[in-house]
PDB file of N, CA and C in Angstrom:
ATOM      1  N   ARG A   1       1.407  -0.345  13.569  1.00  0.00           N
ATOM      2  CA  ARG A   1       2.341  -0.182  14.664  1.00  0.00           C
ATOM      3  C   ARG A   1       3.247   1.025  14.439  1.00  0.00           C
ATOM      4  N   VAL A   2       3.737   1.190  13.221  1.00  0.00           N
ATOM      5  CA  VAL A   2       4.589   2.332  12.899  1.00  0.00           C
ATOM      6  C   VAL A   2       3.790   3.628  13.012  1.00  0.00           C
ATOM      7  N   GLU A   3       2.568   3.595  12.519  1.00  0.00           N
ATOM      8  CA  GLU A   3       1.716   4.794  12.593  1.00  0.00           C
ATOM      9  C   GLU A   3       1.420   5.158  14.044  1.00  0.00           C
ATOM     10  N   ALA A   4       1.193   4.164  14.880  1.00  0.00           N
ATOM     11  CA  ALA A   4       0.940   4.429  16.303  1.00  0.00           C
ATOM     12  C   ALA A   4       2.149   5.095  16.954  1.00  0.00           C
ATOM     13  N   GLU A   5       3.345   4.672  16.563  1.00  0.00           N
ATOM     14  CA  GLU A   5       4.563   5.292  17.101  1.00  0.00           C
ATOM     15  C   GLU A   5       4.690   6.739  16.632  1.00  0.00           C
ATOM     16  N   ARG A   6       4.361   6.994  15.372  1.00  0.00           N
ATOM     17  CA  ARG A   6       4.395   8.376  14.861  1.00  0.00           C
ATOM     18  C   ARG A   6       3.424   9.264  15.625  1.00  0.00           C
ATOM     19  N   VAL A   7       2.230   8.748  15.875  1.00  0.00           N
ATOM     20  CA  VAL A   7       1.228   9.509  16.628  1.00  0.00           C
ATOM     21  C   VAL A   7       1.745   9.781  18.034  1.00  0.00           C
ATOM     22  N   ARG A   8       2.331   8.772  18.661  1.00  0.00           N
ATOM     23  CA  ARG A   8       2.869   8.938  20.015  1.00  0.00           C
ATOM     24  C   ARG A   8       3.974   9.997  20.039  1.00  0.00           C
ATOM     25  N   GLN A   9       4.866   9.958  19.056  1.00  0.00           N
ATOM     26  CA  GLN A   9       5.947  10.938  19.001  1.00  0.00           C
ATOM     27  C   GLN A   9       5.414  12.342  18.736  1.00  0.00           C
ATOM     28  N   ARG A  10       4.399  12.450  17.864  1.00  0.00           N
ATOM     29  CA  ARG A  10       3.809  13.752  17.566  1.00  0.00           C
ATOM     30  C   ARG A  10       3.158  14.340  18.817  1.00  0.00           C
ATOM     31  N   GLU A  11       2.409  13.501  19.544  1.00  0.00           N
ATOM     32  CA  GLU A  11       1.760  13.974  20.776  1.00  0.00           C
ATOM     33  C   GLU A  11       2.792  14.382  21.820  1.00  0.00           C
ATOM     34  N   ARG A  12       3.860  13.623  21.921  1.00  0.00           N
ATOM     35  CA  ARG A  12       4.917  13.956  22.868  1.00  0.00           C
ATOM     36  C   ARG A  12       5.572  15.284  22.493  1.00  0.00           C
ATOM     37  N   SER A  13       5.823  15.473  21.201  1.00  0.00           N
ATOM     38  CA  SER A  13       6.419  16.725  20.741  1.00  0.00           C
ATOM     39  C   SER A  13       5.526  17.910  21.060  1.00  0.00           C
ATOM     40  N   GLU A  14       4.228  17.732  20.870  1.00  0.00           N
ATOM     41  CA  GLU A  14       3.291  18.815  21.172  1.00  0.00           C
ATOM     42  C   GLU A  14       3.279  19.124  22.663  1.00  0.00           C
ATOM     43  N   ARG A  15       3.344  18.075  23.504  1.00  0.00           N
ATOM     44  CA  ARG A  15       3.393  18.286  24.956  1.00  0.00           C
ATOM     45  C   ARG A  15       4.650  19.043  25.364  1.00  0.00           C
ATOM     46  N   LEU A  16       5.751  18.761  24.689  1.00  0.00           N
ATOM     47  CA  LEU A  16       7.015  19.410  25.017  1.00  0.00           C
ATOM     48  C   LEU A  16       7.135  20.794  24.398  1.00  0.00           C
ATOM     49  N   GLY A  17       6.154  21.174  23.601  1.00  0.00           N
ATOM     50  CA  GLY A  17       6.166  22.500  22.996  1.00  0.00           C
ATOM     51  C   GLY A  17       6.992  22.586  21.736  1.00  0.00           C
ATOM     52  N   LEU A  18       7.199  21.446  21.073  1.00  0.00           N
ATOM     53  CA  LEU A  18       7.995  21.447  19.861  1.00  0.00           C
ATOM     54  C   LEU A  18       7.170  21.686  18.607  1.00  0.00           C
ATOM     55  N   GLY A  19       5.870  21.569  18.661  1.00  0.00           N
ATOM     56  CA  GLY A  19       5.029  21.878  17.510  1.00  0.00           C
ATOM     57  C   GLY A  19       4.494  20.655  16.801  1.00  0.00           C
ATOM     58  N   GLY A  20       4.387  20.742  15.458  1.00  0.00           N
ATOM     59  CA  GLY A  20       3.710  19.731  14.654  1.00  0.00           C
ATOM     60  C   GLY A  20       4.617  18.661  14.092  1.00  0.00           C
ATOM     61  N   ASP A  21       4.429  18.309  12.792  1.00  0.00           N
ATOM     62  CA  ASP A  21       5.100  17.197  12.136  1.00  0.00           C
ATOM     63  C   ASP A  21       6.598  17.430  12.007  1.00  0.00           C
ATOM     64  N   ASP A  22       7.343  16.313  12.011  1.00  0.00           N
ATOM     65  CA  ASP A  22       8.795  16.310  11.819  1.00  0.00           C
ATOM     66  C   ASP A  22       9.516  17.249  12.770  1.00  0.00           C
ATOM     67  N   ASP A  23       9.026  17.331  13.989  1.00  0.00           N
ATOM     68  CA  ASP A  23       9.610  18.281  14.919  1.00  0.00           C
ATOM     69  C   ASP A  23      10.906  17.809  15.538  1.00  0.00           C
ATOM     70  N   ASN A  24      11.123  16.512  15.598  1.00  0.00           N
ATOM     71  CA  ASN A  24      12.381  16.071  16.179  1.00  0.00           C
ATOM     72  C   ASN A  24      13.552  16.590  15.360  1.00  0.00           C
ATOM     73  N   ALA A  25      13.463  16.489  14.040  1.00  0.00           N
ATOM     74  CA  ALA A  25      14.533  17.000  13.191  1.00  0.00           C
ATOM     75  C   ALA A  25      14.628  18.516  13.293  1.00  0.00           C
ATOM     76  N   ASN A  26      13.489  19.189  13.283  1.00  0.00           N
ATOM     77  CA  ASN A  26      13.492  20.646  13.392  1.00  0.00           C
ATOM     78  C   ASN A  26      14.015  21.098  14.737  1.00  0.00           C
ATOM     79  N   ALA A  27      13.641  20.409  15.790  1.00  0.00           N
ATOM     80  CA  ALA A  27      14.091  20.788  17.129  1.00  0.00           C
ATOM     81  C   ALA A  27      15.590  20.586  17.257  1.00  0.00           C
ATOM     82  N   ARG A  28      16.094  19.492  16.693  1.00  0.00           N
ATOM     83  CA  ARG A  28      17.533  19.254  16.767  1.00  0.00           C
ATOM     84  C   ARG A  28      18.295  20.329  16.019  1.00  0.00           C
ATOM     85  N   SER A  29      17.838  20.663  14.811  1.00  0.00           N
ATOM     86  CA  SER A  29      18.552  21.684  14.058  1.00  0.00           C
ATOM     87  C   SER A  29      18.426  23.044  14.728  1.00  0.00           C
ATOM     88  N   ALA A  30      17.269  23.335  15.309  1.00  0.00           N
ATOM     89  CA  ALA A  30      17.113  24.601  16.025  1.00  0.00           C
ATOM     90  C   ALA A  30      17.979  24.621  17.272  1.00  0.00           C
ATOM     91  N   ALA A  31      18.085  23.479  17.949  1.00  0.00           N
ATOM     92  CA  ALA A  31      18.930  23.411  19.143  1.00  0.00           C
ATOM     93  C   ALA A  31      20.390  23.588  18.770  1.00  0.00           C
ATOM     94  N   VAL A  32      20.787  22.998  17.661  1.00  0.00           N
ATOM     95  CA  VAL A  32      22.161  23.137  17.216  1.00  0.00           C
ATOM     96  C   VAL A  32      22.434  24.572  16.807  1.00  0.00           C
ATOM     97  N   ASP A  33      21.493  25.197  16.083  1.00  0.00           N
ATOM     98  CA  ASP A  33      21.653  26.596  15.709  1.00  0.00           C
ATOM     99  C   ASP A  33      21.741  27.477  16.941  1.00  0.00           C
ATOM    100  N   ALA A  34      20.905  27.195  17.927  1.00  0.00           N
ATOM    101  CA  ALA A  34      20.935  27.977  19.157  1.00  0.00           C
ATOM    102  C   ALA A  34      22.249  27.760  19.881  1.00  0.00           C
ATOM    103  N   GLY A  35      22.827  26.574  19.752  1.00  0.00           N
ATOM    104  CA  GLY A  35      24.104  26.289  20.378  1.00  0.00           C
ATOM    105  C   GLY A  35      25.222  27.133  19.810  1.00  0.00           C
ATOM    106  N   ASN A  36      25.122  27.528  18.557  1.00  0.00           N
ATOM    107  CA  ASN A  36      26.130  28.388  17.955  1.00  0.00           C
ATOM    108  C   ASN A  36      25.952  29.835  18.343  1.00  0.00           C
ATOM    109  N   ALA A  37      24.769  30.203  18.800  1.00  0.00           N
ATOM    110  CA  ALA A  37      24.484  31.602  19.101  1.00  0.00           C
ATOM    111  C   ALA A  37      25.248  32.103  20.310  1.00  0.00           C
ATOM    112  N   ALA A  38      25.362  31.296  21.367  1.00  0.00           N
ATOM    113  CA  ALA A  38      26.031  31.750  22.578  1.00  0.00           C
ATOM    114  C   ALA A  38      26.755  30.589  23.235  1.00  0.00           C
ATOM    115  N   PRO A  39      28.062  30.683  23.380  1.00  0.00           N
ATOM    116  CA  PRO A  39      28.786  29.614  24.052  1.00  0.00           C
ATOM    117  C   PRO A  39      28.482  29.578  25.534  1.00  0.00           C
ATOM    118  N   ALA A  40      28.827  28.484  26.182  1.00  0.00           N
ATOM    119  CA  ALA A  40      28.522  28.320  27.601  1.00  0.00           C
ATOM    120  C   ALA A  40      29.200  29.380  28.446  1.00  0.00           C
ATOM    121  N   SER A  41      30.362  29.869  28.023  1.00  0.00           N
ATOM    122  CA  SER A  41      31.053  30.884  28.811  1.00  0.00           C
ATOM    123  C   SER A  41      30.271  32.186  28.850  1.00  0.00           C
ATOM    124  N   ALA A  42      29.422  32.419  27.862  1.00  0.00           N
ATOM    125  CA  ALA A  42      28.615  33.640  27.847  1.00  0.00           C
ATOM    126  C   ALA A  42      27.476  33.567  28.844  1.00  0.00           C
ATOM    127  N   THR A  43      27.175  32.364  29.331  1.00  0.00           N
ATOM    128  CA  THR A  43      26.070  32.208  30.272  1.00  0.00           C
ATOM    129  C   THR A  43      26.570  31.772  31.635  1.00  0.00           C
ATOM    130  N   SER A  44      27.747  32.275  32.032  1.00  0.00           N
ATOM    131  CA  SER A  44      28.286  31.885  33.328  1.00  0.00           C
ATOM    132  C   SER A  44      27.483  32.503  34.453  1.00  0.00           C
ATOM    133  N   GLY A  45      27.557  31.876  35.602  1.00  0.00           N
ATOM    134  CA  GLY A  45      26.786  32.349  36.746  1.00  0.00           C
ATOM    135  C   GLY A  45      25.576  31.473  36.952  1.00  0.00           C
ATOM    136  N   SER A  46      25.077  31.442  38.181  1.00  0.00           N
ATOM    137  CA  SER A  46      23.962  30.551  38.462  1.00  0.00           C
ATOM    138  C   SER A  46      22.630  31.116  38.013  1.00  0.00           C
ATOM    139  N   CYS A  47      22.457  32.411  38.081  1.00  0.00           N
ATOM    140  CA  CYS A  47      21.172  32.998  37.711  1.00  0.00           C
ATOM    141  C   CYS A  47      21.277  33.974  36.555  1.00  0.00           C
ATOM    142  N   GLY A  48      22.412  34.587  36.341  1.00  0.00           N
ATOM    143  CA  GLY A  48      22.549  35.612  35.303  1.00  0.00           C
ATOM    144  C   GLY A  48      22.850  35.011  33.960  1.00  0.00           C
ATOM    145  N   ASN A  49      21.825  34.749  33.174  1.00  0.00           N
ATOM    146  CA  ASN A  49      22.003  34.177  31.848  1.00  0.00           C
ATOM    147  C   ASN A  49      21.902  35.243  30.776  1.00  0.00           C
ATOM    148  N   GLY A  50      22.546  36.355  30.962  1.00  0.00           N
ATOM    149  CA  GLY A  50      22.555  37.377  29.929  1.00  0.00           C
ATOM    150  C   GLY A  50      21.189  37.974  29.668  1.00  0.00           C
ATOM    151  N   GLY A  51      20.336  38.082  30.661  1.00  0.00           N
ATOM    152  CA  GLY A  51      19.029  38.685  30.480  1.00  0.00           C
ATOM    153  C   GLY A  51      17.936  37.696  30.136  1.00  0.00           C
ATOM    154  N   ASN A  52      18.292  36.480  29.731  1.00  0.00           N
ATOM    155  CA  ASN A  52      17.293  35.474  29.387  1.00  0.00           C
ATOM    156  C   ASN A  52      17.328  34.386  30.452  1.00  0.00           C
ATOM    157  N   ALA A  53      16.451  34.497  31.432  1.00  0.00           N
ATOM    158  CA  ALA A  53      16.460  33.578  32.567  1.00  0.00           C
ATOM    159  C   ALA A  53      16.099  32.157  32.162  1.00  0.00           C
ATOM    160  N   ALA A  54      15.403  31.960  31.044  1.00  0.00           N
ATOM    161  CA  ALA A  54      14.978  30.632  30.624  1.00  0.00           C
ATOM    162  C   ALA A  54      16.068  29.895  29.853  1.00  0.00           C
ATOM    163  N   ALA A  55      17.122  30.568  29.412  1.00  0.00           N
ATOM    164  CA  ALA A  55      18.166  29.933  28.616  1.00  0.00           C
ATOM    165  C   ALA A  55      18.933  28.921  29.451  1.00  0.00           C
ATOM    166  N   LYS A  56      19.194  27.769  28.850  1.00  0.00           N
ATOM    167  CA  LYS A  56      19.956  26.706  29.497  1.00  0.00           C
ATOM    168  C   LYS A  56      21.183  26.418  28.649  1.00  0.00           C
ATOM    169  N   ALA A  57      22.265  26.033  29.285  1.00  0.00           N
ATOM    170  CA  ALA A  57      23.494  25.715  28.572  1.00  0.00           C
ATOM    171  C   ALA A  57      23.891  24.272  28.840  1.00  0.00           C
ATOM    172  N   CYS A  58      24.470  23.633  27.838  1.00  0.00           N
ATOM    173  CA  CYS A  58      24.991  22.279  27.981  1.00  0.00           C
ATOM    174  C   CYS A  58      26.460  22.378  28.384  1.00  0.00           C
ATOM    175  N   ASN A  59      26.801  21.820  29.527  1.00  0.00           N
ATOM    176  CA  ASN A  59      28.180  21.872  30.009  1.00  0.00           C
ATOM    177  C   ASN A  59      29.119  21.015  29.168  1.00  0.00           C
ATOM    178  N   THR A  60      28.595  20.011  28.506  1.00  0.00           N
ATOM    179  CA  THR A  60      29.426  19.121  27.710  1.00  0.00           C
ATOM    180  C   THR A  60      29.757  19.723  26.351  1.00  0.00           C
ATOM    181  N   CYS A  61      28.757  20.263  25.668  1.00  0.00           N
ATOM    182  CA  CYS A  61      28.935  20.755  24.302  1.00  0.00           C
ATOM    183  C   CYS A  61      29.201  22.253  24.221  1.00  0.00           C
ATOM    184  N   GLY A  62      28.779  22.994  25.224  1.00  0.00           N
ATOM    185  CA  GLY A  62      28.963  24.439  25.197  1.00  0.00           C
ATOM    186  C   GLY A  62      27.846  25.177  24.496  1.00  0.00           C
ATOM    187  N   GLY A  63      26.762  24.504  24.151  1.00  0.00           N
ATOM    188  CA  GLY A  63      25.639  25.147  23.476  1.00  0.00           C
ATOM    189  C   GLY A  63      24.696  25.796  24.466  1.00  0.00           C
ATOM    190  N   SER A  64      23.972  26.815  24.014  1.00  0.00           N
ATOM    191  CA  SER A  64      22.972  27.497  24.832  1.00  0.00           C
ATOM    192  C   SER A  64      21.629  27.371  24.130  1.00  0.00           C
ATOM    193  N   PHE A  65      20.578  27.082  24.895  1.00  0.00           N
ATOM    194  CA  PHE A  65      19.277  26.783  24.315  1.00  0.00           C
ATOM    195  C   PHE A  65      18.216  27.662  24.947  1.00  0.00           C
ATOM    196  N   PRO A  66      17.454  28.399  24.142  1.00  0.00           N
ATOM    197  CA  PRO A  66      16.515  29.398  24.669  1.00  0.00           C
ATOM    198  C   PRO A  66      15.282  28.829  25.356  1.00  0.00           C
ATOM    199  N   THR A  67      14.885  27.609  25.021  1.00  0.00           N
ATOM    200  CA  THR A  67      13.680  27.041  25.632  1.00  0.00           C
ATOM    201  C   THR A  67      14.001  25.688  26.255  1.00  0.00           C
ATOM    202  N   PRO A  68      13.247  25.299  27.263  1.00  0.00           N
ATOM    203  CA  PRO A  68      13.459  23.976  27.866  1.00  0.00           C
ATOM    204  C   PRO A  68      13.276  22.831  26.868  1.00  0.00           C
ATOM    205  N   ALA A  69      12.369  22.978  25.919  1.00  0.00           N
ATOM    206  CA  ALA A  69      12.135  21.922  24.931  1.00  0.00           C
ATOM    207  C   ALA A  69      13.365  21.722  24.043  1.00  0.00           C
ATOM    208  N   LEU A  70      13.984  22.807  23.614  1.00  0.00           N
ATOM    209  CA  LEU A  70      15.191  22.695  22.797  1.00  0.00           C
ATOM    210  C   LEU A  70      16.353  22.145  23.619  1.00  0.00           C
ATOM    211  N   TYR A  71      16.400  22.521  24.876  1.00  0.00           N
ATOM    212  CA  TYR A  71      17.430  22.018  25.791  1.00  0.00           C
ATOM    213  C   TYR A  71      17.315  20.500  25.924  1.00  0.00           C
ATOM    214  N   ARG A  72      16.093  20.009  26.125  1.00  0.00           N
ATOM    215  CA  ARG A  72      15.883  18.562  26.241  1.00  0.00           C
ATOM    216  C   ARG A  72      16.161  17.855  24.917  1.00  0.00           C
ATOM    217  N   ALA A  73      15.769  18.463  23.811  1.00  0.00           N
ATOM    218  CA  ALA A  73      15.998  17.851  22.498  1.00  0.00           C
ATOM    219  C   ALA A  73      17.493  17.733  22.209  1.00  0.00           C
ATOM    220  N   HIS A  74      18.275  18.682  22.695  1.00  0.00           N
ATOM    221  CA  HIS A  74      19.717  18.645  22.469  1.00  0.00           C
ATOM    222  C   HIS A  74      20.340  17.373  23.042  1.00  0.00           C
ATOM    223  N   PHE A  75      19.862  16.924  24.191  1.00  0.00           N
ATOM    224  CA  PHE A  75      20.447  15.752  24.831  1.00  0.00           C
ATOM    225  C   PHE A  75      20.200  14.475  24.039  1.00  0.00           C
ATOM    226  N   ARG A  76      19.257  14.498  23.105  1.00  0.00           N
ATOM    227  CA  ARG A  76      19.003  13.343  22.241  1.00  0.00           C
ATOM    228  C   ARG A  76      19.747  13.460  20.911  1.00  0.00           C
ATOM    229  N   SER A  77      20.466  14.549  20.707  1.00  0.00           N
ATOM    230  CA  SER A  77      21.142  14.766  19.428  1.00  0.00           C
ATOM    231  C   SER A  77      22.427  13.948  19.334  1.00  0.00           C
ATOM    232  N   ASP A  78      22.807  13.604  18.111  1.00  0.00           N
ATOM    233  CA  ASP A  78      24.050  12.870  17.887  1.00  0.00           C
ATOM    234  C   ASP A  78      25.253  13.697  18.323  1.00  0.00           C
ATOM    235  N   TRP A  79      25.192  15.002  18.122  1.00  0.00           N
ATOM    236  CA  TRP A  79      26.278  15.895  18.512  1.00  0.00           C
ATOM    237  C   TRP A  79      26.556  15.768  20.014  1.00  0.00           C
ATOM    238  N   HIS A  80      25.511  15.828  20.825  1.00  0.00           N
ATOM    239  CA  HIS A  80      25.688  15.726  22.274  1.00  0.00           C
ATOM    240  C   HIS A  80      26.204  14.337  22.660  1.00  0.00           C
ATOM    241  N   ARG A  81      25.633  13.312  22.069  1.00  0.00           N
ATOM    242  CA  ARG A  81      26.057  11.945  22.405  1.00  0.00           C
ATOM    243  C   ARG A  81      27.532  11.731  22.078  1.00  0.00           C
ATOM    244  N   TYR A  82      27.953  12.272  20.942  1.00  0.00           N
ATOM    245  CA  TYR A  82      29.358  12.136  20.564  1.00  0.00           C
ATOM    246  C   TYR A  82      30.261  12.876  21.551  1.00  0.00           C
ATOM    247  N   ASN A  83      29.864  14.071  21.950  1.00  0.00           N
ATOM    248  CA  ASN A  83      30.670  14.821  22.909  1.00  0.00           C
ATOM    249  C   ASN A  83      30.737  14.127  24.265  1.00  0.00           C
ATOM    250  N   VAL A  84      29.673  13.447  24.659  1.00  0.00           N
ATOM    251  CA  VAL A  84      29.704  12.683  25.916  1.00  0.00           C
ATOM    252  C   VAL A  84      30.735  11.561  25.807  1.00  0.00           C
ATOM    253  N   LYS A  85      30.767  10.884  24.655  1.00  0.00           N
ATOM    254  CA  LYS A  85      31.751   9.813  24.462  1.00  0.00           C
ATOM    255  C   LYS A  85      33.170  10.362  24.493  1.00  0.00           C
ATOM    256  N   LEU A  86      33.372  11.532  23.877  1.00  0.00           N
ATOM    257  CA  LEU A  86      34.694  12.151  23.919  1.00  0.00           C
ATOM    258  C   LEU A  86      35.084  12.516  25.346  1.00  0.00           C
ATOM    259  N   LYS A  87      34.137  13.050  26.087  1.00  0.00           N
ATOM    260  CA  LYS A  87      34.398  13.453  27.470  1.00  0.00           C
ATOM    261  C   LYS A  87      34.794  12.244  28.318  1.00  0.00           C
ATOM    262  N   MET A  88      34.142  11.114  28.083  1.00  0.00           N
ATOM    263  CA  MET A  88      34.454   9.898  28.837  1.00  0.00           C
ATOM    264  C   MET A  88      35.855   9.380  28.509  1.00  0.00           C
ATOM    265  N   LYS A  89      36.335   9.663  27.295  1.00  0.00           N
ATOM    266  CA  LYS A  89      37.684   9.252  26.897  1.00  0.00           C
ATOM    267  C   LYS A  89      38.738  10.267  27.332  1.00  0.00           C
ATOM    268  N   GLY A  90      38.301  11.405  27.863  1.00  0.00           N
ATOM    269  CA  GLY A  90      39.237  12.432  28.303  1.00  0.00           C
ATOM    270  C   GLY A  90      39.608  13.425  27.222  1.00  0.00           C
ATOM    271  N   ALA A  91      38.936  13.376  26.079  1.00  0.00           N
ATOM    272  CA  ALA A  91      39.213  14.302  24.983  1.00  0.00           C
ATOM    273  C   ALA A  91      38.317  15.525  25.099  1.00  0.00           C
ATOM    274  N   SER A  92      38.695  16.591  24.422  1.00  0.00           N
ATOM    275  CA  SER A  92      37.867  17.794  24.450  1.00  0.00           C
ATOM    276  C   SER A  92      36.704  17.653  23.473  1.00  0.00           C
ATOM    277  N   SER A  93      35.638  18.369  23.741  1.00  0.00           N
ATOM    278  CA  SER A  93      34.434  18.280  22.907  1.00  0.00           C
ATOM    279  C   SER A  93      34.643  19.006  21.585  1.00  0.00           C
ATOM    280  N   VAL A  94      33.796  18.669  20.613  1.00  0.00           N
ATOM    281  CA  VAL A  94      33.854  19.317  19.305  1.00  0.00           C
ATOM    282  C   VAL A  94      32.673  20.262  19.160  1.00  0.00           C
ATOM    283  N   SER A  95      32.875  21.297  18.377  1.00  0.00           N
ATOM    284  CA  SER A  95      31.785  22.233  18.119  1.00  0.00           C
ATOM    285  C   SER A  95      30.791  21.595  17.163  1.00  0.00           C
ATOM    286  N   GLU A  96      29.640  22.206  17.051  1.00  0.00           N
ATOM    287  CA  GLU A  96      28.605  21.689  16.152  1.00  0.00           C
ATOM    288  C   GLU A  96      29.100  21.708  14.715  1.00  0.00           C
ATOM    289  N   ARG A  97      29.829  22.736  14.327  1.00  0.00           N
ATOM    290  CA  ARG A  97      30.380  22.836  12.964  1.00  0.00           C
ATOM    291  C   ARG A  97      31.363  21.695  12.696  1.00  0.00           C
ATOM    292  N   GLU A  98      32.257  21.439  13.651  1.00  0.00           N
ATOM    293  CA  GLU A  98      33.215  20.348  13.490  1.00  0.00           C
ATOM    294  C   GLU A  98      32.490  19.016  13.363  1.00  0.00           C
ATOM    295  N   PHE A  99      31.444  18.837  14.143  1.00  0.00           N
ATOM    296  CA  PHE A  99      30.678  17.596  14.098  1.00  0.00           C
ATOM    297  C   PHE A  99      30.027  17.407  12.730  1.00  0.00           C
ATOM    298  N   GLU A 100      29.479  18.473  12.163  1.00  0.00           N
ATOM    299  CA  GLU A 100      28.826  18.375  10.849  1.00  0.00           C
ATOM    300  C   GLU A 100      29.820  18.056   9.742  1.00  0.00           C
ATOM    301  N   LEU A 101      31.053  18.535   9.862  1.00  0.00           N
ATOM    302  CA  LEU A 101      32.047  18.342   8.811  1.00  0.00           C
ATOM    303  C   LEU A 101      32.653  16.945   8.797  1.00  0.00           C
ATOM    304  N   CYS A 102      32.564  16.234   9.891  1.00  0.00           N
ATOM    305  CA  CYS A 102      33.173  14.907   9.984  1.00  0.00           C
ATOM    306  C   CYS A 102      32.227  13.829   9.472  1.00  0.00           C
ATOM    307  N   ASP A 103      32.803  12.675   9.180  1.00  0.00           N
ATOM    308  CA  ASP A 103      32.031  11.520   8.721  1.00  0.00           C
ATOM    309  C   ASP A 103      31.260  10.948   9.902  1.00  0.00           C
ATOM    310  N   SER A 104      29.948  10.972   9.830  1.00  0.00           N
ATOM    311  CA  SER A 104      29.123  10.541  10.959  1.00  0.00           C
ATOM    312  C   SER A 104      29.277   9.054  11.263  1.00  0.00           C
ATOM    313  N   ASP A 105      29.593   8.230  10.273  1.00  0.00           N
ATOM    314  CA  ASP A 105      29.767   6.802  10.525  1.00  0.00           C
ATOM    315  C   ASP A 105      30.981   6.540  11.414  1.00  0.00           C
ATOM    316  N   ALA A 106      32.002   7.364  11.283  1.00  0.00           N
ATOM    317  CA  ALA A 106      33.218   7.180  12.076  1.00  0.00           C
ATOM    318  C   ALA A 106      32.989   7.510  13.546  1.00  0.00           C
ATOM    319  N   PHE A 107      32.001   8.331  13.851  1.00  0.00           N
ATOM    320  CA  PHE A 107      31.757   8.746  15.228  1.00  0.00           C
ATOM    321  C   PHE A 107      31.283   7.605  16.107  1.00  0.00           C
ATOM    322  N   PHE A 108      30.488   6.725  15.560  1.00  0.00           N
ATOM    323  CA  PHE A 108      29.833   5.728  16.382  1.00  0.00           C
ATOM    324  C   PHE A 108      30.386   4.326  16.178  1.00  0.00           C
ATOM    325  N   ASP A 109      31.598   4.214  15.617  1.00  0.00           N
ATOM    326  CA  ASP A 109      32.256   2.911  15.520  1.00  0.00           C
ATOM    327  C   ASP A 109      32.618   2.442  16.916  1.00  0.00           C
ATOM    328  N   LYS A 110      32.498   1.158  17.119  1.00  0.00           N
ATOM    329  CA  LYS A 110      32.767   0.618  18.462  1.00  0.00           C
ATOM    330  C   LYS A 110      34.166   0.135  18.601  1.00  0.00           C
TER     331      LYS A 110
END
């Protein structure tokens, strides 16, 4: 059953253009790295994304993602989920660096 789930996740990753083994972790780290490359303010405008028409930005976290696959992977990241919770509480979002420096167990306490 576990192996079947791994196969399903691998096939899904390949369909999404994420590549081979352990791509969820790689995609998340690549999405986070891409988020540090250009803040959302650098990609303002509906069509003018700084020369890269495929780049997408997350309005909640401020990250910019060069491919649709990385953009989708970002929404499954703990960083994005935490920022959504902060936004719902009326607090400002944290950068990826701030998120990495904090205790991850404290983020998801109920």
